[in-house]
């Protein structure tokens, strides 16, 4: 395969990875919003305590 074709193939794969990355970020945001809403329904104090924490 010529070098130019390899670069195009690599760019295509990187673009697909970038698109999938954006899709996953959107999915994570959606799940985070649902979990936060569920926590707020269970106990507002609990969701406030957890909102600023990270793993």
Protein backbone atom coordinates (compact mmCIF):
# COMPACT_ATOMS: atom_id res chain seq x y z
CA UNK A 1 0.00 0.00 0.00
CA UNK A 2 1.45 3.41 -0.91
CA UNK A 3 2.28 5.79 1.93
CA UNK A 4 -0.50 8.19 0.90
CA UNK A 5 -3.10 5.44 1.08
CA UNK A 6 -1.84 4.42 4.53
CA UNK A 7 -2.18 7.99 5.75
CA UNK A 8 -5.74 8.21 4.44
CA UNK A 9 -6.59 4.89 6.10
CA UNK A 10 -5.06 6.07 9.37
CA UNK A 11 -6.93 9.38 9.19
CA UNK A 12 -10.18 7.53 8.56
CA UNK A 13 -9.64 5.31 11.57
CA UNK A 14 -8.76 8.30 13.75
CA UNK A 15 -11.91 10.09 12.59
CA UNK A 16 -14.04 7.05 13.48
CA UNK A 17 -12.37 6.87 16.89
CA UNK A 18 -13.03 10.57 17.43
CA UNK A 19 -16.69 10.16 16.50
CA UNK A 20 -17.09 7.19 18.81
CA UNK A 21 -15.37 9.14 21.59
CA UNK A 22 -17.91 11.95 21.20
CA UNK A 23 -20.78 9.43 21.23
CA UNK A 24 -19.47 7.88 24.43
CA UNK A 25 -19.09 11.28 26.09
CA UNK A 26 -22.71 12.09 25.24
CA UNK A 27 -23.83 8.73 26.62
CA UNK A 28 -21.86 9.30 29.83
CA UNK A 29 -23.48 12.73 30.24
CA UNK A 30 -26.93 11.19 29.75
CA UNK A 31 -26.30 8.46 32.33
CA UNK A 32 -24.83 11.00 34.75
CA UNK A 33 -27.95 13.15 34.46
CA UNK A 34 -30.23 10.15 35.06
CA UNK A 35 -28.22 8.99 38.08
CA UNK A 36 -28.16 12.50 39.53
CA UNK A 37 -31.93 12.83 39.08
CA UNK A 38 -32.49 9.45 40.71
CA UNK A 39 -30.28 10.39 43.64
CA UNK A 40 -32.15 13.65 44.10
CA UNK A 41 -35.45 11.76 44.25
CA UNK A 42 -34.04 9.39 46.88
CA UNK A 43 -32.38 11.97 49.07
CA UNK A 44 -31.45 15.57 48.19
CA UNK A 45 -28.70 15.57 50.83
CA UNK A 46 -27.11 12.44 49.37
CA UNK A 47 -27.00 13.82 45.83
CA UNK A 48 -25.53 17.11 47.09
CA UNK A 49 -22.84 15.19 48.95
CA UNK A 50 -21.95 13.18 45.84
CA UNK A 51 -22.16 15.89 43.21
CA UNK A 52 -18.67 17.27 43.78
CA UNK A 53 -16.86 13.99 44.13
CA UNK A 54 -14.91 12.05 41.54
CA UNK A 55 -13.54 8.51 41.55
